[in-house]
Amino acid sequence: MTVQADFYLLNRPGLELEAVLRTLVKKARSAGFRISIITRDADQTEMLDEALWQGTGFLPHETLIRGKKTGSPISLAMTTENLEPLVINLSCKPVSAFAKLKRVLEIVPNEDHMRQQSRDHYRNYQQLGWQLKMHKIN
């Protein structure tokens, strides 16, 4: 089975990663997916933990600081251990293939250095033979 990687390009300055993330998480949950969100660092994990509590409705999630899962449908972690079939990758490294992986979502901020990192992820996934899609968010 081929993994699908979707890249969401934030084309407008001021688009907040948190708002786009919440939208993607809501859509994935409504489609029945369990979700792993891989973060860059502890600060981003904390910020997103707060963001998932706010807005238009709480999104049930857990923060995996020590890597122990409690069964929540959404998990935030800085590691690639115990990932769900749908991964939202916000880290600096591309996601490696594993048995139950179905989709990877990458949010591409409107910043040059982050765009270059996403291009590297795109090439990596392309070399793995994954199905790639681009979505422009204006």
C-alpha atoms as a PDB file:
ATOM      1  CA  MET A   1       0.000   0.000   0.000  1.00  0.00           C
ATOM      2  CA  THR A   2       1.315   3.413  -0.982  1.00  0.00           C
ATOM      3  CA  VAL A   3       1.559   6.161   1.610  1.00  0.00           C
ATOM      4  CA  GLN A   4       0.076   9.540   0.696  1.00  0.00           C
ATOM      5  CA  ALA A   5       1.925  12.712   1.709  1.00  0.00           C
ATOM      6  CA  ASP A   6       0.001  15.983   1.580  1.00  0.00           C
ATOM      7  CA  PHE A   7       1.789  19.332   1.736  1.00  0.00           C
ATOM      8  CA  TYR A   8      -0.255  22.351   2.849  1.00  0.00           C
ATOM      9  CA  LEU A   9       1.474  25.542   1.654  1.00  0.00           C
ATOM     10  CA  LEU A  10       0.572  28.607   3.707  1.00  0.00           C
ATOM     11  CA  ASN A  11       0.745  31.280   0.998  1.00  0.00           C
ATOM     12  CA  ARG A  12      -0.417  34.277   2.990  1.00  0.00           C
ATOM     13  CA  PRO A  13       1.578  35.959   5.751  1.00  0.00           C
ATOM     14  CA  GLY A  14      -0.374  35.869   8.976  1.00  0.00           C
ATOM     15  CA  LEU A  15      -1.887  32.426   8.481  1.00  0.00           C
ATOM     16  CA  GLU A  16      -1.371  30.728  11.805  1.00  0.00           C
ATOM     17  CA  LEU A  17      -0.004  27.214  11.922  1.00  0.00           C
ATOM     18  CA  GLU A  18      -2.260  26.495  14.902  1.00  0.00           C
ATOM     19  CA  ALA A  19      -5.451  27.385  13.016  1.00  0.00           C
ATOM     20  CA  VAL A  20      -4.501  25.269  10.003  1.00  0.00           C
ATOM     21  CA  LEU A  21      -3.482  22.408  12.295  1.00  0.00           C
ATOM     22  CA  ARG A  22      -6.825  22.513  14.123  1.00  0.00           C
ATOM     23  CA  THR A  23      -8.683  22.379  10.786  1.00  0.00           C
ATOM     24  CA  LEU A  24      -6.628  19.413   9.548  1.00  0.00           C
ATOM     25  CA  VAL A  25      -7.057  17.560  12.840  1.00  0.00           C
ATOM     26  CA  LYS A  26     -10.829  18.102  12.811  1.00  0.00           C
ATOM     27  CA  LYS A  27     -11.103  16.806   9.229  1.00  0.00           C
ATOM     28  CA  ALA A  28      -8.913  13.777   9.951  1.00  0.00           C
ATOM     29  CA  ARG A  29     -10.893  12.937  13.110  1.00  0.00           C
ATOM     30  CA  SER A  30     -14.205  13.234  11.253  1.00  0.00           C
ATOM     31  CA  ALA A  31     -12.789  10.733   8.709  1.00  0.00           C
ATOM     32  CA  GLY A  32     -12.080   8.360  11.593  1.00  0.00           C
ATOM     33  CA  PHE A  33      -8.294   8.682  11.747  1.00  0.00           C
ATOM     34  CA  ARG A  34      -6.199   8.461  14.895  1.00  0.00           C
ATOM     35  CA  ILE A  35      -3.499  11.133  14.628  1.00  0.00           C
ATOM     36  CA  SER A  36       0.097  11.580  15.727  1.00  0.00           C
ATOM     37  CA  ILE A  37       1.495  15.111  15.585  1.00  0.00           C
ATOM     38  CA  ILE A  38       5.294  15.180  15.581  1.00  0.00           C
ATOM     39  CA  THR A  39       6.595  18.500  16.894  1.00  0.00           C
ATOM     40  CA  ARG A  40       9.964  20.246  16.509  1.00  0.00           C
ATOM     41  CA  ASP A  41      10.648  20.760  20.207  1.00  0.00           C
ATOM     42  CA  ALA A  42       9.162  21.014  23.694  1.00  0.00           C
ATOM     43  CA  ASP A  43       8.123  24.654  23.188  1.00  0.00           C
ATOM     44  CA  GLN A  44       6.113  23.815  20.078  1.00  0.00           C
ATOM     45  CA  THR A  45       4.578  20.800  21.844  1.00  0.00           C
ATOM     46  CA  GLU A  46       3.427  23.030  24.706  1.00  0.00           C
ATOM     47  CA  MET A  47       2.098  25.709  22.343  1.00  0.00           C
ATOM     48  CA  LEU A  48       0.092  23.156  20.331  1.00  0.00           C
ATOM     49  CA  ASP A  49      -1.162  21.490  23.512  1.00  0.00           C
ATOM     50  CA  GLU A  50      -2.699  24.857  24.428  1.00  0.00           C
ATOM     51  CA  ALA A  51      -3.990  25.441  20.877  1.00  0.00           C
ATOM     52  CA  LEU A  52      -5.883  22.131  20.872  1.00  0.00           C
ATOM     53  CA  TRP A  53      -7.690  23.237  24.055  1.00  0.00           C
ATOM     54  CA  GLN A  54      -8.789  26.542  22.538  1.00  0.00           C
ATOM     55  CA  GLY A  55     -10.881  27.716  19.627  1.00  0.00           C
ATOM     56  CA  THR A  56     -14.203  26.229  18.644  1.00  0.00           C
ATOM     57  CA  GLY A  57     -14.176  23.099  20.725  1.00  0.00           C
ATOM     58  CA  PHE A  58     -11.660  20.996  22.572  1.00  0.00           C
ATOM     59  CA  LEU A  59      -9.824  18.375  20.513  1.00  0.00           C
ATOM     60  CA  PRO A  60      -9.134  15.370  22.791  1.00  0.00           C
ATOM     61  CA  HIS A  61      -5.408  14.758  22.834  1.00  0.00           C
ATOM     62  CA  GLU A  62      -2.453  13.706  24.919  1.00  0.00           C
ATOM     63  CA  THR A  63       1.097  14.993  25.131  1.00  0.00           C
ATOM     64  CA  LEU A  64       3.654  12.197  25.027  1.00  0.00           C
ATOM     65  CA  ILE A  65       6.578  13.714  26.906  1.00  0.00           C
ATOM     66  CA  ARG A  66       7.679  10.339  28.207  1.00  0.00           C
ATOM     67  CA  GLY A  67       6.371   8.292  25.266  1.00  0.00           C
ATOM     68  CA  LYS A  68       3.592   6.465  27.159  1.00  0.00           C
ATOM     69  CA  LYS A  69       0.232   6.417  25.363  1.00  0.00           C
ATOM     70  CA  THR A  70      -3.105   6.564  27.167  1.00  0.00           C
ATOM     71  CA  GLY A  71      -5.341   5.862  24.182  1.00  0.00           C
ATOM     72  CA  SER A  72      -6.311   9.381  23.123  1.00  0.00           C
ATOM     73  CA  PRO A  73      -7.176   9.682  19.398  1.00  0.00           C
ATOM     74  CA  ILE A  74      -4.685  12.553  19.009  1.00  0.00           C
ATOM     75  CA  SER A  75      -1.152  12.596  20.373  1.00  0.00           C
ATOM     76  CA  LEU A  76       1.558  15.261  20.402  1.00  0.00           C
ATOM     77  CA  ALA A  77       5.148  14.052  20.619  1.00  0.00           C
ATOM     78  CA  MET A  78       8.710  14.936  19.702  1.00  0.00           C
ATOM     79  CA  THR A  79       9.543  11.318  18.854  1.00  0.00           C
ATOM     80  CA  THR A  80       8.548   8.952  16.076  1.00  0.00           C
ATOM     81  CA  GLU A  81       7.708   6.087  18.436  1.00  0.00           C
ATOM     82  CA  ASN A  82       4.199   4.570  18.522  1.00  0.00           C
ATOM     83  CA  LEU A  83       2.848   6.641  15.647  1.00  0.00           C
ATOM     84  CA  GLU A  84      -0.725   6.419  14.402  1.00  0.00           C
ATOM     85  CA  PRO A  85      -1.648   5.732  10.724  1.00  0.00           C
ATOM     86  CA  LEU A  86      -2.006   9.469  10.077  1.00  0.00           C
ATOM     87  CA  VAL A  87       0.965  11.650  11.002  1.00  0.00           C
ATOM     88  CA  ILE A  88       1.106  15.437  10.951  1.00  0.00           C
ATOM     89  CA  ASN A  89       4.797  16.177  10.707  1.00  0.00           C
ATOM     90  CA  LEU A  90       5.982  19.527  12.045  1.00  0.00           C
ATOM     91  CA  SER A  91       9.497  18.307  12.828  1.00  0.00           C
ATOM     92  CA  CYS A  92      12.708  19.060  10.939  1.00  0.00           C
ATOM     93  CA  LYS A  93      13.016  15.465   9.702  1.00  0.00           C
ATOM     94  CA  PRO A  94      10.850  13.592   7.210  1.00  0.00           C
ATOM     95  CA  VAL A  95       8.754  10.714   8.499  1.00  0.00           C
ATOM     96  CA  SER A  96      10.145   7.231   7.914  1.00  0.00           C
ATOM     97  CA  ALA A  97       7.885   4.541   6.514  1.00  0.00           C
ATOM     98  CA  PHE A  98       6.415   2.003   8.944  1.00  0.00           C
ATOM     99  CA  ALA A  99       3.860  -0.794   8.613  1.00  0.00           C
ATOM    100  CA  LYS A 100       0.614   0.981   9.562  1.00  0.00           C
ATOM    101  CA  LEU A 101       1.433   4.428   8.078  1.00  0.00           C
ATOM    102  CA  LYS A 102      -1.242   5.642   5.628  1.00  0.00           C
ATOM    103  CA  ARG A 103      -0.862   9.419   5.390  1.00  0.00           C
ATOM    104  CA  VAL A 104       1.573  12.155   6.276  1.00  0.00           C
ATOM    105  CA  LEU A 105       0.493  15.786   6.397  1.00  0.00           C
ATOM    106  CA  GLU A 106       3.113  18.525   6.271  1.00  0.00           C
ATOM    107  CA  ILE A 107       2.212  22.154   6.960  1.00  0.00           C
ATOM    108  CA  VAL A 108       4.588  24.457   5.079  1.00  0.00           C
ATOM    109  CA  PRO A 109       4.828  27.936   6.669  1.00  0.00           C
ATOM    110  CA  ASN A 110       5.412  31.036   4.567  1.00  0.00           C
ATOM    111  CA  GLU A 111       9.090  31.263   5.568  1.00  0.00           C
ATOM    112  CA  ASP A 112      12.010  30.574   3.224  1.00  0.00           C
ATOM    113  CA  HIS A 113      13.999  28.267   5.527  1.00  0.00           C
ATOM    114  CA  MET A 114      10.887  26.224   6.353  1.00  0.00           C
ATOM    115  CA  ARG A 115       9.995  25.944   2.673  1.00  0.00           C
ATOM    116  CA  GLN A 116      13.444  24.559   1.908  1.00  0.00           C
ATOM    117  CA  GLN A 117      13.042  21.979   4.680  1.00  0.00           C
ATOM    118  CA  SER A 118       9.677  20.973   3.177  1.00  0.00           C
ATOM    119  CA  ARG A 119      11.253  20.620  -0.270  1.00  0.00           C
ATOM    120  CA  ASP A 120      13.748  18.197   1.269  1.00  0.00           C
ATOM    121  CA  HIS A 121      10.886  16.221   2.856  1.00  0.00           C
ATOM    122  CA  TYR A 122       9.073  16.196  -0.501  1.00  0.00           C
ATOM    123  CA  ARG A 123      12.137  14.774  -2.291  1.00  0.00           C
ATOM    124  CA  ASN A 124      12.580  12.165   0.431  1.00  0.00           C
ATOM    125  CA  TYR A 125       8.968  10.988   0.140  1.00  0.00           C
ATOM    126  CA  GLN A 126       9.220  11.044  -3.662  1.00  0.00           C
ATOM    127  CA  GLN A 127      12.237   8.716  -3.488  1.00  0.00           C
ATOM    128  CA  LEU A 128      10.193   6.362  -1.283  1.00  0.00           C
ATOM    129  CA  GLY A 129       7.553   6.192  -4.031  1.00  0.00           C
ATOM    130  CA  TRP A 130       4.813   7.833  -1.991  1.00  0.00           C
ATOM    131  CA  GLN A 131       1.820   9.559  -3.581  1.00  0.00           C
ATOM    132  CA  LEU A 132       2.379  13.329  -3.197  1.00  0.00           C
ATOM    133  CA  LYS A 133      -0.200  16.129  -3.200  1.00  0.00           C
ATOM    134  CA  MET A 134       0.152  19.887  -2.799  1.00  0.00           C
ATOM    135  CA  HIS A 135      -2.560  22.134  -1.353  1.00  0.00           C
ATOM    136  CA  LYS A 136      -2.275  25.933  -1.385  1.00  0.00           C
ATOM    137  CA  ILE A 137      -3.858  27.659   1.596  1.00  0.00           C
ATOM    138  CA  ASN A 138      -4.561  31.349   0.902  1.00  0.00           C
END
